N, C-alpha and C. Protein backbone atom coordinates (compact mmCIF):
# COMPACT_ATOMS: atom_id res chain seq x y z
N ILE A 1 -14.02 -23.43 -2.55
CA ILE A 1 -15.08 -22.60 -2.53
C ILE A 1 -14.74 -21.18 -2.89
N ALA A 2 -13.63 -20.70 -2.48
CA ALA A 2 -13.16 -19.31 -2.79
C ALA A 2 -11.69 -19.18 -2.60
N HIS A 3 -11.05 -18.13 -3.23
CA HIS A 3 -9.67 -17.81 -3.01
C HIS A 3 -9.45 -16.31 -3.31
N ALA A 4 -8.33 -15.83 -2.71
CA ALA A 4 -7.87 -14.43 -3.00
C ALA A 4 -6.34 -14.55 -3.09
N ILE A 5 -5.83 -13.72 -3.95
CA ILE A 5 -4.31 -13.66 -4.23
C ILE A 5 -3.90 -12.00 -4.17
N LYS A 6 -2.93 -11.94 -3.40
CA LYS A 6 -2.50 -10.51 -3.23
C LYS A 6 -0.94 -10.53 -3.55
N THR A 7 -0.49 -9.43 -4.05
CA THR A 7 0.87 -9.34 -4.52
C THR A 7 1.54 -8.04 -3.83
N ASN A 8 2.67 -8.12 -3.33
CA ASN A 8 3.43 -6.96 -2.80
C ASN A 8 3.72 -5.95 -3.94
N ARG A 9 3.35 -4.61 -3.83
CA ARG A 9 3.59 -3.65 -4.84
C ARG A 9 4.31 -2.48 -4.19
N TRP A 10 5.36 -2.80 -3.32
CA TRP A 10 6.36 -1.89 -2.66
C TRP A 10 5.51 -1.16 -1.55
N LYS A 11 4.69 -0.15 -1.91
CA LYS A 11 3.95 0.58 -1.00
C LYS A 11 2.56 0.13 -0.75
N GLY A 12 2.28 -1.13 -0.95
CA GLY A 12 0.98 -1.59 -0.65
C GLY A 12 0.82 -3.03 -1.32
N PHE A 13 -0.34 -3.63 -1.21
CA PHE A 13 -0.58 -4.99 -1.73
C PHE A 13 -1.67 -4.85 -2.70
N GLU A 14 -1.48 -5.45 -3.86
CA GLU A 14 -2.67 -5.64 -4.90
C GLU A 14 -3.32 -6.82 -4.74
N ILE A 15 -4.73 -6.85 -4.63
CA ILE A 15 -5.53 -7.96 -4.63
C ILE A 15 -5.64 -8.30 -6.19
N ASN A 16 -4.97 -9.26 -6.62
CA ASN A 16 -4.91 -9.67 -7.96
C ASN A 16 -6.09 -10.54 -8.45
N SER A 17 -6.64 -11.23 -7.44
CA SER A 17 -7.82 -12.22 -7.70
C SER A 17 -8.56 -12.41 -6.50
N LEU A 18 -9.87 -12.38 -6.58
CA LEU A 18 -10.76 -12.72 -5.45
C LEU A 18 -12.00 -13.45 -6.12
N VAL A 19 -12.16 -14.78 -5.98
CA VAL A 19 -13.15 -15.54 -6.62
C VAL A 19 -13.84 -16.30 -5.67
N VAL A 20 -15.19 -16.31 -5.74
CA VAL A 20 -16.13 -17.13 -4.90
C VAL A 20 -16.98 -17.92 -5.78
N ASP A 21 -17.06 -19.27 -5.48
CA ASP A 21 -17.80 -20.13 -6.37
C ASP A 21 -19.23 -19.73 -6.38
N PRO A 22 -19.91 -19.67 -7.59
CA PRO A 22 -21.25 -19.05 -7.76
C PRO A 22 -22.22 -19.79 -6.73
N ALA A 23 -22.05 -21.09 -6.46
CA ALA A 23 -22.98 -21.84 -5.54
C ALA A 23 -22.92 -21.29 -4.08
N HIS A 24 -21.79 -20.46 -3.79
CA HIS A 24 -21.51 -20.11 -2.36
C HIS A 24 -21.66 -18.57 -2.27
N ARG A 25 -22.03 -17.95 -3.26
CA ARG A 25 -22.12 -16.48 -3.16
C ARG A 25 -23.28 -15.93 -2.33
N GLY A 26 -23.19 -14.83 -1.77
CA GLY A 26 -24.32 -14.17 -0.95
C GLY A 26 -24.14 -14.77 0.52
N LYS A 27 -23.08 -15.34 0.85
CA LYS A 27 -22.87 -15.89 2.19
C LYS A 27 -21.84 -15.07 2.94
N GLY A 28 -21.32 -13.98 2.40
CA GLY A 28 -20.30 -13.28 3.09
C GLY A 28 -18.88 -13.73 2.91
N ILE A 29 -18.65 -14.68 2.14
CA ILE A 29 -17.35 -15.14 1.99
C ILE A 29 -16.38 -14.19 1.42
N SER A 30 -16.76 -13.35 0.32
CA SER A 30 -15.80 -12.39 -0.13
C SER A 30 -15.41 -11.45 0.98
N HIS A 31 -16.33 -11.04 1.87
CA HIS A 31 -15.97 -10.12 2.97
C HIS A 31 -14.98 -10.75 3.95
N LYS A 32 -15.16 -12.12 4.22
CA LYS A 32 -14.13 -12.78 4.97
C LYS A 32 -12.76 -12.87 4.40
N LEU A 33 -12.75 -13.01 3.11
CA LEU A 33 -11.50 -13.11 2.24
C LEU A 33 -10.83 -11.73 2.40
N LEU A 34 -11.59 -10.72 2.20
CA LEU A 34 -11.14 -9.35 2.19
C LEU A 34 -10.36 -9.05 3.66
N GLU A 35 -11.05 -9.53 4.73
CA GLU A 35 -10.59 -9.41 6.04
C GLU A 35 -9.24 -10.09 6.14
N LYS A 36 -9.19 -11.35 5.51
CA LYS A 36 -7.90 -12.14 5.71
C LYS A 36 -6.76 -11.51 4.79
N CYS A 37 -7.06 -10.60 3.88
CA CYS A 37 -6.02 -10.02 3.13
C CYS A 37 -5.11 -9.01 4.01
N GLY A 38 -5.72 -8.87 5.17
CA GLY A 38 -4.93 -8.00 6.17
C GLY A 38 -5.29 -6.52 6.18
N SER A 39 -4.43 -5.73 7.00
CA SER A 39 -4.55 -4.43 6.98
C SER A 39 -3.51 -3.65 6.36
N GLY A 40 -3.54 -2.36 6.46
CA GLY A 40 -2.51 -1.58 5.70
C GLY A 40 -3.03 -1.23 4.32
N ARG A 41 -2.17 -0.88 3.56
CA ARG A 41 -2.65 -0.34 2.16
C ARG A 41 -2.80 -1.50 1.18
N LEU A 42 -4.03 -1.74 0.78
CA LEU A 42 -4.58 -2.69 -0.14
C LEU A 42 -5.14 -1.86 -1.33
N PHE A 43 -5.06 -2.51 -2.52
CA PHE A 43 -5.80 -1.95 -3.71
C PHE A 43 -6.17 -2.97 -4.52
N ALA A 44 -7.14 -2.76 -5.47
CA ALA A 44 -7.76 -3.74 -6.41
C ALA A 44 -8.38 -3.07 -7.54
N TYR A 45 -7.99 -3.69 -8.69
CA TYR A 45 -8.58 -3.07 -9.98
C TYR A 45 -9.67 -4.19 -10.29
N THR A 46 -10.85 -3.72 -10.61
CA THR A 46 -11.88 -4.68 -10.99
C THR A 46 -12.87 -3.91 -11.86
N ARG A 47 -13.65 -4.81 -12.65
CA ARG A 47 -14.79 -4.28 -13.47
C ARG A 47 -16.05 -5.03 -13.12
N ASP A 48 -15.85 -5.95 -12.14
CA ASP A 48 -17.03 -6.64 -11.58
C ASP A 48 -17.86 -5.88 -10.51
N ALA A 49 -19.14 -5.76 -10.81
CA ALA A 49 -19.98 -4.96 -9.88
C ALA A 49 -20.13 -5.58 -8.52
N ARG A 50 -20.20 -6.93 -8.42
CA ARG A 50 -20.29 -7.61 -7.08
C ARG A 50 -19.02 -7.24 -6.26
N LEU A 51 -17.84 -7.40 -6.82
CA LEU A 51 -16.70 -7.18 -6.17
C LEU A 51 -16.46 -5.72 -5.85
N GLN A 52 -16.85 -4.86 -6.65
CA GLN A 52 -16.87 -3.40 -6.34
C GLN A 52 -17.75 -3.13 -5.13
N SER A 53 -18.91 -3.82 -5.00
CA SER A 53 -19.69 -3.63 -3.75
C SER A 53 -19.05 -4.12 -2.55
N ALA A 54 -18.46 -5.29 -2.63
CA ALA A 54 -17.84 -5.93 -1.51
C ALA A 54 -16.67 -4.99 -1.07
N LEU A 55 -15.89 -4.48 -1.99
CA LEU A 55 -14.76 -3.55 -1.69
C LEU A 55 -15.29 -2.35 -0.95
N GLU A 56 -16.21 -1.78 -1.50
CA GLU A 56 -16.81 -0.54 -0.80
C GLU A 56 -17.25 -0.92 0.63
N LYS A 57 -17.97 -2.07 0.79
CA LYS A 57 -18.50 -2.47 2.16
C LYS A 57 -17.33 -2.70 3.17
N ALA A 58 -16.02 -3.11 2.54
CA ALA A 58 -14.92 -3.38 3.31
C ALA A 58 -14.06 -2.10 3.59
N GLY A 59 -14.52 -0.98 3.23
CA GLY A 59 -13.83 0.25 3.54
C GLY A 59 -12.99 0.79 2.43
N PHE A 60 -12.99 0.17 1.32
CA PHE A 60 -12.13 0.58 0.04
C PHE A 60 -12.85 1.82 -0.55
N GLU A 61 -12.14 2.71 -1.13
CA GLU A 61 -12.62 3.85 -1.83
C GLU A 61 -12.05 3.89 -3.31
N ARG A 62 -12.93 4.45 -4.16
CA ARG A 62 -12.40 4.55 -5.58
C ARG A 62 -11.40 5.57 -5.62
N SER A 63 -10.41 5.39 -6.48
CA SER A 63 -9.23 6.18 -6.56
C SER A 63 -8.69 6.34 -8.06
N THR A 64 -7.86 7.24 -8.24
CA THR A 64 -7.23 7.25 -9.66
C THR A 64 -5.97 6.60 -9.80
N THR A 65 -5.20 6.50 -8.56
CA THR A 65 -3.89 5.88 -8.61
C THR A 65 -3.58 5.25 -7.30
N PRO A 66 -2.79 4.01 -7.30
CA PRO A 66 -2.50 3.49 -6.01
C PRO A 66 -1.38 4.10 -5.27
N GLY A 67 -0.73 5.12 -5.91
CA GLY A 67 0.40 5.76 -5.48
C GLY A 67 1.54 5.62 -6.35
N PHE A 68 2.59 6.48 -6.25
CA PHE A 68 3.75 6.48 -7.23
C PHE A 68 4.48 5.13 -7.25
N LEU A 69 4.95 4.68 -6.21
CA LEU A 69 5.84 3.49 -6.04
C LEU A 69 4.87 2.23 -6.56
N SER A 70 3.71 2.17 -6.13
CA SER A 70 2.87 1.08 -6.49
C SER A 70 2.61 1.15 -8.01
N SER A 71 2.32 2.35 -8.45
CA SER A 71 2.11 2.45 -9.90
C SER A 71 3.34 2.19 -10.72
N LEU A 72 4.50 2.47 -10.29
CA LEU A 72 5.77 2.02 -10.95
C LEU A 72 5.92 0.59 -10.91
N ASN A 73 5.66 -0.14 -9.74
CA ASN A 73 5.78 -1.54 -9.87
C ASN A 73 4.86 -2.25 -10.67
N LEU A 74 3.54 -1.79 -10.70
CA LEU A 74 2.45 -2.24 -11.74
C LEU A 74 2.86 -2.07 -13.05
N LEU A 75 3.48 -0.85 -13.47
CA LEU A 75 3.92 -0.76 -14.78
C LEU A 75 4.87 -1.78 -15.23
N VAL A 76 5.87 -1.93 -14.40
CA VAL A 76 6.96 -2.89 -14.75
C VAL A 76 6.20 -4.43 -14.82
N SER A 77 5.44 -4.80 -13.83
CA SER A 77 4.82 -6.08 -13.92
C SER A 77 3.85 -6.22 -15.13
N ARG A 78 3.03 -5.22 -15.42
CA ARG A 78 2.15 -5.33 -16.59
C ARG A 78 2.97 -5.40 -17.86
N LEU A 79 3.99 -4.69 -18.01
CA LEU A 79 4.90 -4.81 -19.19
C LEU A 79 5.46 -6.12 -19.33
N GLY A 80 5.85 -6.70 -18.23
CA GLY A 80 6.23 -8.19 -18.21
C GLY A 80 5.17 -9.03 -18.71
N MET A 81 3.88 -8.85 -18.30
CA MET A 81 2.81 -9.67 -18.63
C MET A 81 2.54 -9.58 -20.17
N VAL A 82 2.56 -8.39 -20.67
CA VAL A 82 2.30 -8.10 -22.06
C VAL A 82 3.31 -8.60 -22.93
N SER A 83 4.56 -8.55 -22.46
CA SER A 83 5.78 -9.13 -23.21
C SER A 83 5.54 -10.73 -23.34
N TRP A 84 5.12 -11.30 -22.22
CA TRP A 84 4.98 -12.74 -22.18
C TRP A 84 3.79 -13.18 -23.29
N MET A 85 2.67 -12.31 -23.19
CA MET A 85 1.60 -12.60 -24.04
C MET A 85 2.10 -12.46 -25.50
N ILE A 86 2.94 -11.67 -25.82
CA ILE A 86 3.40 -11.42 -27.17
C ILE A 86 4.35 -12.68 -27.54
N PHE A 87 5.22 -12.95 -26.62
CA PHE A 87 6.20 -14.04 -26.82
C PHE A 87 5.41 -15.38 -26.96
N SER A 88 4.32 -15.50 -26.27
CA SER A 88 3.58 -16.88 -26.26
C SER A 88 2.40 -16.67 -27.38
N LEU A 89 2.38 -15.77 -28.08
CA LEU A 89 1.49 -15.52 -29.20
C LEU A 89 0.01 -15.53 -28.74
N GLU A 90 -0.25 -14.93 -27.60
CA GLU A 90 -1.62 -14.83 -27.03
C GLU A 90 -2.23 -13.48 -27.45
N PHE A 91 -2.47 -13.32 -28.75
CA PHE A 91 -2.91 -12.01 -29.32
C PHE A 91 -4.37 -11.78 -29.01
N LYS A 92 -5.20 -12.80 -28.86
CA LYS A 92 -6.59 -12.86 -28.42
C LYS A 92 -6.58 -12.24 -26.98
N ARG A 93 -5.97 -12.66 -26.22
CA ARG A 93 -5.89 -12.19 -24.78
C ARG A 93 -5.41 -10.74 -24.77
N ILE A 94 -4.39 -10.39 -25.55
CA ILE A 94 -3.95 -8.91 -25.52
C ILE A 94 -5.17 -8.07 -26.06
N LEU A 95 -5.79 -8.44 -27.14
CA LEU A 95 -6.99 -7.68 -27.56
C LEU A 95 -8.02 -7.62 -26.65
N HIS A 96 -8.26 -8.78 -25.92
CA HIS A 96 -9.34 -8.76 -24.82
C HIS A 96 -8.98 -7.63 -23.75
N GLN A 97 -7.68 -7.69 -23.32
CA GLN A 97 -7.20 -6.65 -22.22
C GLN A 97 -7.41 -5.24 -22.73
N LEU A 98 -6.92 -5.05 -24.05
CA LEU A 98 -7.09 -3.72 -24.52
C LEU A 98 -8.55 -3.24 -24.73
N LYS A 99 -9.36 -4.07 -25.10
CA LYS A 99 -10.83 -3.80 -25.21
C LYS A 99 -11.53 -3.37 -23.83
N HIS A 100 -11.07 -3.92 -22.79
CA HIS A 100 -11.77 -3.77 -21.51
C HIS A 100 -10.88 -2.94 -20.54
N ILE A 101 -9.85 -2.36 -20.85
CA ILE A 101 -8.91 -1.64 -20.01
C ILE A 101 -9.52 -0.37 -19.35
N ARG A 102 -10.47 0.21 -20.06
CA ARG A 102 -11.16 1.35 -19.50
C ARG A 102 -12.22 1.02 -18.61
N ASP A 103 -12.70 -0.26 -18.58
CA ASP A 103 -13.80 -0.68 -17.68
C ASP A 103 -13.43 -0.88 -16.26
N TYR A 104 -12.10 -1.00 -16.01
CA TYR A 104 -11.58 -1.25 -14.65
C TYR A 104 -11.60 -0.07 -13.72
N GLU A 105 -12.09 -0.33 -12.56
CA GLU A 105 -12.05 0.83 -11.41
C GLU A 105 -11.00 0.39 -10.45
N LEU A 106 -10.39 1.41 -9.94
CA LEU A 106 -9.35 1.21 -8.81
C LEU A 106 -10.03 1.48 -7.43
N TYR A 107 -9.80 0.48 -6.61
CA TYR A 107 -10.33 0.64 -5.10
C TYR A 107 -9.16 0.63 -4.25
N VAL A 108 -8.98 1.51 -3.28
CA VAL A 108 -7.85 1.52 -2.38
C VAL A 108 -8.44 1.62 -0.93
N ARG A 109 -7.65 0.87 0.00
CA ARG A 109 -7.97 1.00 1.41
C ARG A 109 -6.68 1.23 2.07
N ASN A 110 -6.53 2.24 2.86
CA ASN A 110 -5.30 2.64 3.43
C ASN A 110 -5.20 2.44 4.90
N SER A 111 -6.30 2.09 5.56
CA SER A 111 -6.20 2.04 7.00
C SER A 111 -6.28 0.54 7.61
N GLN A 112 -6.00 0.40 8.82
CA GLN A 112 -6.10 -0.90 9.36
C GLN A 112 -7.53 -1.18 9.76
N LEU A 113 -7.98 -2.35 9.73
CA LEU A 113 -9.43 -2.80 9.97
C LEU A 113 -9.49 -2.78 11.45
N LYS A 114 -10.65 -2.31 12.11
CA LYS A 114 -10.81 -2.46 13.49
C LYS A 114 -10.83 -3.82 14.02
N GLY A 115 -10.13 -4.04 15.01
CA GLY A 115 -10.21 -5.36 15.77
C GLY A 115 -9.19 -6.27 15.18
N MET A 116 -8.46 -5.83 14.07
CA MET A 116 -7.45 -6.78 13.52
C MET A 116 -6.10 -6.54 13.92
N VAL A 117 -5.27 -7.56 13.98
CA VAL A 117 -3.89 -7.51 14.41
C VAL A 117 -3.08 -7.40 13.12
N MET A 118 -2.12 -6.47 13.05
CA MET A 118 -1.33 -6.42 11.94
C MET A 118 -0.35 -7.46 11.88
N ILE A 119 -0.26 -8.31 10.76
CA ILE A 119 0.57 -9.47 10.52
C ILE A 119 1.40 -9.19 9.32
N PRO A 120 2.69 -9.48 9.51
CA PRO A 120 3.71 -9.29 8.41
C PRO A 120 3.12 -10.02 7.27
N ASN A 121 3.15 -9.45 6.06
CA ASN A 121 2.75 -10.08 4.79
C ASN A 121 3.97 -10.56 3.96
N PRO A 122 3.95 -11.87 3.39
CA PRO A 122 5.00 -12.19 2.45
C PRO A 122 4.92 -11.49 1.10
N LEU A 123 5.85 -11.59 0.19
CA LEU A 123 5.78 -10.91 -1.10
C LEU A 123 4.63 -11.48 -1.87
N PHE A 124 4.28 -12.73 -1.69
CA PHE A 124 3.19 -13.33 -2.48
C PHE A 124 2.35 -14.16 -1.51
N ASN A 125 1.03 -13.91 -1.53
CA ASN A 125 0.28 -14.54 -0.50
C ASN A 125 -1.05 -15.04 -1.14
N VAL A 126 -1.41 -16.33 -0.83
CA VAL A 126 -2.73 -16.87 -1.35
C VAL A 126 -3.47 -17.08 -0.08
N GLU A 127 -4.72 -16.73 -0.05
CA GLU A 127 -5.63 -17.13 0.97
C GLU A 127 -6.61 -18.03 0.44
N LYS A 128 -7.09 -19.05 1.04
CA LYS A 128 -8.10 -19.90 0.67
C LYS A 128 -9.18 -19.99 1.79
N TYR A 129 -10.33 -20.00 1.45
CA TYR A 129 -11.48 -20.11 2.44
C TYR A 129 -12.22 -21.35 2.18
């Protein structure tokens, strides 16, 4: 029905993916997944208006940078992704990424959610609903 993936970016966690089956949208599932992503510093880049709305309702705010260490970690990981795309000759994917790079907005949440208990997060975590 839905899933979310988050990755440790040193001084915070990036929500890499949050997807809800179209047949189950509008039922609050994305909000439940965002709650399951935990508290503390979370951020997500997205160009999807529905996800932007869900992030704002979950207490995320638009920002220009996720912070120095997280940005450094993102730079290293994105360079690795681009290198892999070049190595595997995925030029169409590279062009798609370059075409849409300015469309992405960054949303950041720094605080703990009310009523939630802080749970230690692994380096890589997948939540399924």
